[in-house]
C-alpha atoms as a PDB file:
ATOM      1  CA  MET A   1     -14.360  51.383   3.580  1.00  0.00           C
ATOM      2  CA  LYS A   2     -15.677  50.349   6.937  1.00  0.00           C
ATOM      3  CA  LYS A   3     -18.089  48.579   4.810  1.00  0.00           C
ATOM      4  CA  SER A   4     -15.118  46.385   3.338  1.00  0.00           C
ATOM      5  CA  MET A   5     -13.742  45.860   6.466  1.00  0.00           C
ATOM      6  CA  THR A   6     -16.794  44.122   7.997  1.00  0.00           C
ATOM      7  CA  ALA A   7     -17.275  42.454   4.702  1.00  0.00           C
ATOM      8  CA  LEU A   8     -13.801  41.062   4.798  1.00  0.00           C
ATOM      9  CA  ALA A   9     -13.807  40.039   8.616  1.00  0.00           C
ATOM     10  CA  ALA A  10     -17.231  38.599   8.059  1.00  0.00           C
ATOM     11  CA  ILE A  11     -15.530  36.350   5.220  1.00  0.00           C
ATOM     12  CA  ALA A  12     -12.484  35.482   7.180  1.00  0.00           C
ATOM     13  CA  PHE A  13     -14.808  34.121   9.933  1.00  0.00           C
ATOM     14  CA  ALA A  14     -16.615  32.001   7.931  1.00  0.00           C
ATOM     15  CA  GLY A  15     -13.910  30.426   6.315  1.00  0.00           C
ATOM     16  CA  ALA A  16     -12.385  30.061  10.051  1.00  0.00           C
ATOM     17  CA  MET A  17     -15.902  28.527  10.770  1.00  0.00           C
ATOM     18  CA  GLY A  18     -15.618  26.293   7.864  1.00  0.00           C
ATOM     19  CA  MET A  19     -12.608  24.672   8.845  1.00  0.00           C
ATOM     20  CA  ALA A  20     -13.486  24.371  12.089  1.00  0.00           C
ATOM     21  CA  GLN A  21     -15.972  22.056  11.557  1.00  0.00           C
ATOM     22  CA  ALA A  22     -13.965  19.890   9.946  1.00  0.00           C
ATOM     23  CA  ALA A  23     -12.984  16.469  11.707  1.00  0.00           C
ATOM     24  CA  ASP A  24     -10.677  13.700  11.950  1.00  0.00           C
ATOM     25  CA  ILE A  25     -12.972  11.004  11.347  1.00  0.00           C
ATOM     26  CA  SER A  26      -9.628   8.184  10.887  1.00  0.00           C
ATOM     27  CA  GLN A  27     -10.153   4.560  12.001  1.00  0.00           C
ATOM     28  CA  THR A  28      -8.156   2.786  14.106  1.00  0.00           C
ATOM     29  CA  PRO A  29      -5.376   0.905  12.561  1.00  0.00           C
ATOM     30  CA  VAL A  30      -6.772  -2.228  10.530  1.00  0.00           C
ATOM     31  CA  THR A  31      -4.509  -5.406   9.896  1.00  0.00           C
ATOM     32  CA  ILE A  32      -4.367  -7.050   6.805  1.00  0.00           C
ATOM     33  CA  ASP A  33      -3.295 -10.806   6.424  1.00  0.00           C
ATOM     34  CA  LEU A  34      -1.274 -11.319   3.224  1.00  0.00           C
ATOM     35  CA  SER A  35      -0.379 -14.877   4.510  1.00  0.00           C
ATOM     36  CA  SER A  36      -2.129 -15.874   0.630  1.00  0.00           C
ATOM     37  CA  GLY A  37      -0.029 -13.420  -0.951  1.00  0.00           C
ATOM     38  CA  SER A  38      -2.826 -10.292  -1.281  1.00  0.00           C
ATOM     39  CA  ASN A  39      -6.160  -8.653   0.089  1.00  0.00           C
ATOM     40  CA  VAL A  40      -8.217  -6.086  -0.377  1.00  0.00           C
ATOM     41  CA  PHE A  41      -9.309  -3.254   1.636  1.00  0.00           C
ATOM     42  CA  SER A  42     -12.012  -0.738   1.937  1.00  0.00           C
ATOM     43  CA  ARG A  43     -13.676   2.069   4.128  1.00  0.00           C
ATOM     44  CA  VAL A  44     -17.327   3.216   3.943  1.00  0.00           C
ATOM     45  CA  PHE A  45     -18.347   6.773   5.134  1.00  0.00           C
ATOM     46  CA  SER A  46     -21.840   7.304   6.644  1.00  0.00           C
ATOM     47  CA  ALA A  47     -23.291  10.718   5.515  1.00  0.00           C
ATOM     48  CA  GLN A  48     -22.970  14.093   6.738  1.00  0.00           C
ATOM     49  CA  ASN A  49     -19.204  13.864   6.597  1.00  0.00           C
ATOM     50  CA  ASP A  50     -18.129  16.905   4.329  1.00  0.00           C
ATOM     51  CA  GLY A  51     -15.181  18.366   4.700  1.00  0.00           C
ATOM     52  CA  ASN A  52     -14.028  16.155   7.143  1.00  0.00           C
ATOM     53  CA  THR A  53     -10.630  14.315   6.654  1.00  0.00           C
ATOM     54  CA  PHE A  54      -9.164  10.979   7.571  1.00  0.00           C
ATOM     55  CA  THR A  55      -5.806   9.256   7.359  1.00  0.00           C
ATOM     56  CA  ASP A  56      -6.572   5.593   7.835  1.00  0.00           C
ATOM     57  CA  ARG A  57      -3.979   3.013   8.525  1.00  0.00           C
ATOM     58  CA  PHE A  58      -3.914  -0.853   7.255  1.00  0.00           C
ATOM     59  CA  ASP A  59      -0.769  -3.086   9.292  1.00  0.00           C
ATOM     60  CA  PHE A  60       0.817  -6.023   7.379  1.00  0.00           C
ATOM     61  CA  THR A  61       4.039  -8.365   7.973  1.00  0.00           C
ATOM     62  CA  SER A  62       6.589  -8.771   5.174  1.00  0.00           C
ATOM     63  CA  THR A  63       8.850 -11.587   4.747  1.00  0.00           C
ATOM     64  CA  ALA A  64      12.228 -11.191   3.937  1.00  0.00           C
ATOM     65  CA  GLY A  65      13.248  -9.658   0.287  1.00  0.00           C
ATOM     66  CA  ALA A  66       9.499  -9.281  -0.486  1.00  0.00           C
ATOM     67  CA  ALA A  67       8.142  -7.023  -3.082  1.00  0.00           C
ATOM     68  CA  LEU A  68       5.093  -5.178  -2.774  1.00  0.00           C
ATOM     69  CA  SER A  69       2.333  -3.917  -5.036  1.00  0.00           C
ATOM     70  CA  ALA A  70      -0.782  -2.026  -4.269  1.00  0.00           C
ATOM     71  CA  PHE A  71      -3.489   0.626  -5.205  1.00  0.00           C
ATOM     72  CA  VAL A  72      -6.438   2.457  -3.602  1.00  0.00           C
ATOM     73  CA  SER A  73      -8.903   4.099  -6.065  1.00  0.00           C
ATOM     74  CA  SER A  74     -12.002   6.369  -5.127  1.00  0.00           C
ATOM     75  CA  PHE A  75     -14.964   7.862  -7.181  1.00  0.00           C
ATOM     76  CA  THR A  76     -16.000  11.742  -7.081  1.00  0.00           C
ATOM     77  CA  ASN A  77     -19.415  12.374  -8.573  1.00  0.00           C
ATOM     78  CA  PRO A  78     -18.895  15.211 -10.864  1.00  0.00           C
ATOM     79  CA  ALA A  79     -22.723  15.991 -10.582  1.00  0.00           C
ATOM     80  CA  ASP A  80     -23.084  16.396  -6.921  1.00  0.00           C
ATOM     81  CA  THR A  81     -19.404  16.580  -6.131  1.00  0.00           C
ATOM     82  CA  HIS A  82     -19.501  14.151  -3.483  1.00  0.00           C
ATOM     83  CA  GLY A  83     -17.286  11.067  -2.648  1.00  0.00           C
ATOM     84  CA  VAL A  84     -13.415  10.396  -1.160  1.00  0.00           C
ATOM     85  CA  ALA A  85     -10.649  12.792  -2.610  1.00  0.00           C
ATOM     86  CA  LEU A  86      -7.292  10.902  -1.743  1.00  0.00           C
ATOM     87  CA  THR A  87      -4.710  13.131  -0.928  1.00  0.00           C
ATOM     88  CA  GLY A  88      -2.080  10.153  -0.360  1.00  0.00           C
ATOM     89  CA  PHE A  89      -0.742   6.418  -0.127  1.00  0.00           C
ATOM     90  CA  SER A  90       2.362   5.595   1.713  1.00  0.00           C
ATOM     91  CA  LEU A  91       4.322   2.624   2.765  1.00  0.00           C
ATOM     92  CA  TYR A  92       6.050   3.315   6.385  1.00  0.00           C
ATOM     93  CA  ASP A  93       8.028   0.985   8.505  1.00  0.00           C
ATOM     94  CA  SER A  94       6.916  -0.025  11.988  1.00  0.00           C
ATOM     95  CA  GLY A  95       9.107   2.711  13.456  1.00  0.00           C
ATOM     96  CA  GLY A  96       6.993   5.417  11.529  1.00  0.00           C
ATOM     97  CA  ALA A  97       9.574   6.355   8.553  1.00  0.00           C
ATOM     98  CA  VAL A  98       8.321   6.549   5.209  1.00  0.00           C
ATOM     99  CA  VAL A  99       9.036   3.691   3.056  1.00  0.00           C
ATOM    100  CA  GLN A 100       7.918   4.904  -0.350  1.00  0.00           C
ATOM    101  CA  SER A 101       5.153   7.713  -1.344  1.00  0.00           C
ATOM    102  CA  GLY A 102       2.572   6.610  -3.416  1.00  0.00           C
ATOM    103  CA  ASN A 103       1.857   7.964  -6.805  1.00  0.00           C
ATOM    104  CA  LYS A 104      -1.302   9.324  -8.023  1.00  0.00           C
ATOM    105  CA  VAL A 105      -2.214   7.983 -11.391  1.00  0.00           C
ATOM    106  CA  ILE A 106      -5.728   9.424 -12.237  1.00  0.00           C
ATOM    107  CA  GLY A 107      -7.682  12.189 -10.518  1.00  0.00           C
ATOM    108  CA  ALA A 108     -11.303  12.910 -10.177  1.00  0.00           C
ATOM    109  CA  PRO A 109     -13.711  12.159 -10.895  1.00  0.00           C
ATOM    110  CA  LEU A 110     -11.521   8.596 -10.645  1.00  0.00           C
ATOM    111  CA  ASN A 111      -8.795   8.586  -7.879  1.00  0.00           C
ATOM    112  CA  LEU A 112      -6.120   6.335  -8.233  1.00  0.00           C
ATOM    113  CA  TRP A 113      -3.432   5.532  -6.342  1.00  0.00           C
ATOM    114  CA  THR A 114      -0.692   3.230  -6.283  1.00  0.00           C
ATOM    115  CA  ASN A 115       2.198   2.163  -4.597  1.00  0.00           C
ATOM    116  CA  SER A 116       5.198  -0.453  -4.705  1.00  0.00           C
ATOM    117  CA  ALA A 117       8.376  -1.026  -3.077  1.00  0.00           C
ATOM    118  CA  SER A 118      10.820  -4.004  -3.570  1.00  0.00           C
ATOM    119  CA  ASN A 119      13.071  -6.043  -1.220  1.00  0.00           C
ATOM    120  CA  LEU A 120      11.854  -5.428   2.267  1.00  0.00           C
ATOM    121  CA  HIS A 121      13.015  -6.667   5.334  1.00  0.00           C
ATOM    122  CA  ALA A 122      11.418  -9.291   7.554  1.00  0.00           C
ATOM    123  CA  SER A 123       9.424  -6.859   9.426  1.00  0.00           C
ATOM    124  CA  ASN A 124       5.854  -5.156  10.460  1.00  0.00           C
ATOM    125  CA  TYR A 125       5.136  -2.167   8.163  1.00  0.00           C
ATOM    126  CA  TYR A 126       1.812  -0.135   7.140  1.00  0.00           C
ATOM    127  CA  LEU A 127      -0.369   1.824   4.502  1.00  0.00           C
ATOM    128  CA  LEU A 128      -1.212   5.212   5.233  1.00  0.00           C
ATOM    129  CA  VAL A 129      -4.439   6.097   3.069  1.00  0.00           C
ATOM    130  CA  SER A 130      -5.248  10.033   3.545  1.00  0.00           C
ATOM    131  CA  GLY A 131      -8.077  12.411   1.954  1.00  0.00           C
ATOM    132  CA  ASN A 132     -11.329  14.200   2.496  1.00  0.00           C
ATOM    133  CA  ILE A 133     -15.126  13.959   2.067  1.00  0.00           C
ATOM    134  CA  LEU A 134     -16.518  16.017  -0.257  1.00  0.00           C
ATOM    135  CA  GLY A 135     -20.577  16.163  -0.084  1.00  0.00           C
ATOM    136  CA  GLN A 136     -22.889  15.054   2.431  1.00  0.00           C
ATOM    137  CA  GLY A 137     -23.758  11.101   0.345  1.00  0.00           C
ATOM    138  CA  VAL A 138     -22.505   8.017   1.349  1.00  0.00           C
ATOM    139  CA  ALA A 139     -18.940   7.750   0.123  1.00  0.00           C
ATOM    140  CA  ARG A 140     -16.134   5.078  -0.308  1.00  0.00           C
ATOM    141  CA  TYR A 141     -12.716   4.079  -1.298  1.00  0.00           C
ATOM    142  CA  ASP A 142     -11.200   0.996  -2.109  1.00  0.00           C
ATOM    143  CA  GLY A 143      -7.903  -1.064  -2.208  1.00  0.00           C
ATOM    144  CA  ALA A 144      -5.998  -4.026  -2.972  1.00  0.00           C
ATOM    145  CA  VAL A 145      -2.286  -5.313  -1.556  1.00  0.00           C
ATOM    146  CA  ASN A 146       0.063  -7.902  -3.121  1.00  0.00           C
ATOM    147  CA  LEU A 147       2.879  -9.258  -1.672  1.00  0.00           C
ATOM    148  CA  THR A 148       5.034 -11.621  -3.777  1.00  0.00           C
ATOM    149  CA  PRO A 149       7.644 -13.242  -1.976  1.00  0.00           C
ATOM    150  CA  ALA A 150      11.609 -12.951  -2.889  1.00  0.00           C
ATOM    151  CA  THR A 151      12.602 -15.300  -5.447  1.00  0.00           C
ATOM    152  CA  ALA A 152      14.829 -18.444  -4.658  1.00  0.00           C
ATOM    153  CA  PRO A 153      18.250 -17.150  -3.126  1.00  0.00           C
ATOM    154  CA  VAL A 154      21.288 -18.147  -4.617  1.00  0.00           C
ATOM    155  CA  PRO A 155      22.632 -21.742  -3.658  1.00  0.00           C
ATOM    156  CA  GLU A 156      25.634 -21.821  -1.354  1.00  0.00           C
ATOM    157  CA  PRO A 157      29.165 -22.605  -2.714  1.00  0.00           C
ATOM    158  CA  GLU A 158      29.061 -25.840  -0.477  1.00  0.00           C
ATOM    159  CA  THR A 159      25.694 -26.801  -2.452  1.00  0.00           C
ATOM    160  CA  TYR A 160      27.678 -26.365  -5.788  1.00  0.00           C
ATOM    161  CA  GLY A 161      30.480 -28.567  -4.386  1.00  0.00           C
ATOM    162  CA  MET A 162      27.917 -31.181  -3.286  1.00  0.00           C
ATOM    163  CA  LEU A 163      26.728 -31.661  -6.799  1.00  0.00           C
ATOM    164  CA  LEU A 164      30.068 -31.320  -8.171  1.00  0.00           C
ATOM    165  CA  GLY A 165      30.793 -34.405  -6.218  1.00  0.00           C
ATOM    166  CA  GLY A 166      27.832 -36.220  -6.936  1.00  0.00           C
ATOM    167  CA  LEU A 167      28.402 -35.854 -10.701  1.00  0.00           C
ATOM    168  CA  ALA A 168      32.240 -37.099  -9.622  1.00  0.00           C
ATOM    169  CA  VAL A 169      31.038 -40.150  -8.292  1.00  0.00           C
ATOM    170  CA  LEU A 170      28.605 -40.320 -10.886  1.00  0.00           C
ATOM    171  CA  GLY A 171      31.231 -40.307 -13.668  1.00  0.00           C
ATOM    172  CA  MET A 172      33.362 -42.417 -11.881  1.00  0.00           C
ATOM    173  CA  LEU A 173      30.817 -45.551 -11.898  1.00  0.00           C
ATOM    174  CA  SER A 174      29.945 -44.613 -15.369  1.00  0.00           C
ATOM    175  CA  ARG A 175      33.598 -45.576 -16.623  1.00  0.00           C
ATOM    176  CA  ARG A 176      34.032 -48.525 -14.327  1.00  0.00           C
ATOM    177  CA  ARG A 177      30.944 -50.102 -16.210  1.00  0.00           C
ATOM    178  CA  LYS A 178      32.634 -49.345 -19.660  1.00  0.00           C
ATOM    179  CA  SER A 179      35.788 -51.220 -18.644  1.00  0.00           C
ATOM    180  CA  ASP A 180      34.536 -54.063 -16.960  1.00  0.00           C
ATOM    181  CA  PRO A 181      33.903 -56.442 -19.830  1.00  0.00           C
ATOM    182  CA  ARG A 182      31.341 -58.392 -18.183  1.00  0.00           C
ATOM    183  CA  VAL A 183      29.210 -55.740 -19.299  1.00  0.00           C
END
């Protein structure tokens, strides 16, 4: 009984030591320029980061009514279990509120997450990519963001009034020409 308790204590201590070794290796926020509508992002992790976790932030600005579509992917080598295991891909507003949680499309060995949102406000937003590093080798993830502007707005009633007024003037001129015997 005493040996069992000692063995359990050793296993618990080893587990606690393994958890204590995990470090947060998040990068500082990166701004993505979406003035052309789309852009890519990625991160490469150096070797010797096994078990470390990260939450990387990618900031961008949206126009009113825009729609966002984004994805992030990574590869985990099943032969020697090294790579990046993605655990989240969410969209946040500038106040830190979740706008849209990502969807895990495919799991290991190819990790693929997508995120989409429509009718965004003209404001600042950020995407949060989270995960952990598997193995001691070099690892990376890659992603892309597309921001589609809002469709053309519906014309104001005044615009329709001006259009109808212009058509009325053209109709009057046409009728006048028909009734003029010189034509």
